[in-house]
Amino acid sequence: MKTLKLIFFSRNVLLSASAALLLFSLTSCAKKVVFLTSSVVPAARGQVTVKKDNNNNFAIKIKIDNLAEAKRLEPSKNTYVVWIETDESMVKNIGQIQSNNPFMSSKLKATFETVTAFKPKKIFITAEDNSDAQYPGNQFVLETKRF
């Protein structure tokens, strides 16, 4: 009888450890990084989540609070552009956050989601005149540390 109890106990411990390891491996795949405090929009706060998908692409999700409209900046700009710095030290424009869209409510919240084949090492947002900018301007609004 003691042998049977020991077998059931060992099996339960093994199953629990396996479940914990599986749960940890699923949640540890996503990297969450906060933006550094901005000198351009000091009240802006945000975070980035980067997760590698089954196709070896990288899903990027950004959430920002207290992001002023780009037109209110000095000098005034038309949009915010999201950039990544890749493993190869290339800088890529991955999209825009339009501050005059309905998602930028009176609470000044913004979200951004995209998928890219490039592995990001750093993510930053600049204020730009055009969303199709090939190189970032000098008005860095938010940026992460390298990760």
Protein backbone atom coordinates (compact mmCIF):
# COMPACT_ATOMS: atom_id res chain seq x y z
CA MET A 1 0.00 0.00 0.00
CA LYS A 2 2.85 2.42 0.82
CA THR A 3 4.44 1.69 -2.58
CA LEU A 4 1.17 2.52 -4.35
CA LYS A 5 0.86 5.84 -2.45
CA LEU A 6 4.46 6.69 -3.29
CA ILE A 7 3.82 6.02 -7.00
CA PHE A 8 0.73 8.27 -7.02
CA PHE A 9 2.58 10.98 -5.09
CA SER A 10 5.56 10.83 -7.47
CA ARG A 11 3.25 10.96 -10.49
CA ASN A 12 1.39 14.00 -9.11
CA VAL A 13 4.64 15.83 -8.36
CA LEU A 14 5.94 15.05 -11.84
CA LEU A 15 2.70 16.23 -13.48
CA SER A 16 2.70 19.44 -11.42
CA ALA A 17 6.32 20.17 -12.26
CA SER A 18 5.66 19.51 -15.95
CA ALA A 19 2.64 21.81 -15.96
CA ALA A 20 4.61 24.58 -14.22
CA LEU A 21 7.48 24.23 -16.68
CA LEU A 22 5.09 24.35 -19.66
CA LEU A 23 3.32 27.42 -18.27
CA PHE A 24 6.66 29.16 -17.63
CA SER A 25 7.93 28.39 -21.13
CA LEU A 26 4.75 29.76 -22.73
CA THR A 27 4.77 33.00 -20.76
CA SER A 28 8.51 33.57 -20.89
CA CYS A 29 8.50 33.81 -24.70
CA ALA A 30 7.06 37.31 -24.57
CA LYS A 31 9.41 40.11 -23.62
CA LYS A 32 7.85 43.15 -21.92
CA VAL A 33 9.86 46.39 -21.85
CA VAL A 34 8.86 49.85 -20.61
CA PHE A 35 9.67 53.06 -22.41
CA LEU A 36 12.12 55.42 -20.74
CA THR A 37 10.83 58.80 -19.53
CA SER A 38 10.50 61.23 -22.41
CA SER A 39 12.01 64.70 -22.45
CA VAL A 40 9.67 65.66 -25.33
CA VAL A 41 6.42 64.42 -23.72
CA PRO A 42 7.37 63.86 -20.04
CA ALA A 43 3.92 62.60 -19.01
CA ALA A 44 3.91 59.84 -21.64
CA ARG A 45 4.23 56.31 -20.26
CA GLY A 46 4.18 53.10 -22.19
CA GLN A 47 5.28 49.54 -22.61
CA VAL A 48 6.24 47.24 -25.46
CA THR A 49 5.59 43.51 -25.68
CA VAL A 50 7.60 41.51 -28.21
CA LYS A 51 6.77 37.87 -28.86
CA LYS A 52 8.25 35.50 -31.41
CA ASP A 53 5.52 33.58 -33.25
CA ASN A 54 5.46 30.12 -34.86
CA ASN A 55 6.64 31.55 -38.19
CA ASN A 56 9.75 33.12 -36.59
CA ASN A 57 8.25 36.60 -36.93
CA PHE A 58 8.03 39.07 -34.07
CA ALA A 59 4.66 40.38 -32.89
CA ILE A 60 5.04 43.85 -31.39
CA LYS A 61 2.36 45.45 -29.21
CA ILE A 62 2.68 48.94 -27.79
CA LYS A 63 0.46 50.63 -25.20
CA ILE A 64 0.96 54.30 -24.34
CA ASP A 65 -0.78 56.63 -21.87
CA ASN A 66 -0.63 60.44 -21.79
CA LEU A 67 0.70 60.84 -25.32
CA ALA A 68 0.02 64.39 -26.49
CA GLU A 69 -1.11 64.94 -30.07
CA ALA A 70 1.83 65.38 -32.45
CA LYS A 71 0.42 68.74 -33.56
CA ARG A 72 0.85 70.06 -29.99
CA LEU A 73 4.59 69.42 -29.94
CA GLU A 74 7.15 72.16 -30.47
CA PRO A 75 7.87 72.12 -33.36
CA SER A 76 4.50 70.79 -34.48
CA LYS A 77 4.49 67.43 -36.30
CA ASN A 78 1.82 65.39 -38.11
CA THR A 79 2.32 61.88 -36.74
CA TYR A 80 4.29 59.55 -34.53
CA VAL A 81 6.41 56.87 -36.24
CA VAL A 82 7.46 53.61 -34.58
CA TRP A 83 10.97 52.36 -35.34
CA ILE A 84 12.97 49.26 -34.48
CA GLU A 85 16.68 48.79 -34.29
CA THR A 86 17.48 45.25 -35.46
CA ASP A 87 20.18 42.72 -34.58
CA GLU A 88 22.07 43.92 -37.64
CA SER A 89 21.97 47.54 -36.35
CA MET A 90 19.53 48.55 -39.08
CA VAL A 91 16.74 51.00 -38.26
CA LYS A 92 13.31 50.22 -39.75
CA ASN A 93 10.09 52.24 -39.86
CA ILE A 94 7.40 49.73 -38.78
CA GLY A 95 4.37 52.01 -38.77
CA GLN A 96 2.70 55.09 -37.42
CA ILE A 97 0.60 56.15 -34.49
CA GLN A 98 -1.77 58.82 -35.72
CA SER A 99 -2.48 61.17 -32.85
CA ASN A 100 -5.55 62.66 -34.54
CA ASN A 101 -7.39 59.33 -34.85
CA PRO A 102 -10.33 58.36 -32.63
CA PHE A 103 -8.18 55.92 -30.63
CA MET A 104 -6.39 58.94 -29.17
CA SER A 105 -9.25 59.92 -26.92
CA SER A 106 -9.36 62.69 -24.38
CA LYS A 107 -7.46 60.29 -22.12
CA LEU A 108 -4.53 60.40 -24.57
CA LYS A 109 -4.13 56.63 -24.89
CA ALA A 110 -2.63 54.93 -27.91
CA THR A 111 -1.99 51.38 -29.01
CA PHE A 112 0.01 49.95 -31.87
CA GLU A 113 0.39 46.39 -33.14
CA THR A 114 2.40 44.92 -35.99
CA VAL A 115 4.37 41.86 -37.03
CA THR A 116 7.87 42.02 -38.48
CA ALA A 117 10.45 39.52 -39.68
CA PHE A 118 13.20 41.59 -38.06
CA LYS A 119 14.25 40.82 -34.49
CA PRO A 120 14.05 44.09 -32.55
CA LYS A 121 16.82 45.08 -30.14
CA LYS A 122 15.41 48.52 -29.38
CA ILE A 123 12.09 50.23 -30.14
CA PHE A 124 11.57 53.97 -30.31
CA ILE A 125 8.99 56.50 -31.43
CA THR A 126 9.70 59.81 -33.17
CA ALA A 127 7.48 62.72 -34.13
CA GLU A 128 7.55 63.17 -37.91
CA ASP A 129 5.98 65.25 -40.68
CA ASN A 130 5.32 62.14 -42.80
CA SER A 131 4.54 58.57 -41.83
CA ASP A 132 6.71 57.16 -44.62
CA ALA A 133 9.96 58.64 -43.30
CA GLN A 134 12.96 56.52 -44.26
CA TYR A 135 15.14 57.76 -41.41
CA PRO A 136 14.15 58.90 -37.93
CA GLY A 137 14.07 62.63 -37.28
CA ASN A 138 15.61 64.22 -34.23
CA GLN A 139 12.45 64.46 -32.11
CA PHE A 140 12.62 61.20 -30.10
CA VAL A 141 9.41 60.92 -28.10
CA LEU A 142 9.78 57.51 -26.42
CA GLU A 143 12.44 54.82 -26.52
CA THR A 144 13.38 51.59 -24.80
CA LYS A 145 16.76 50.46 -23.65
CA ARG A 146 18.39 47.78 -25.79
CA PHE A 147 16.97 44.35 -24.98
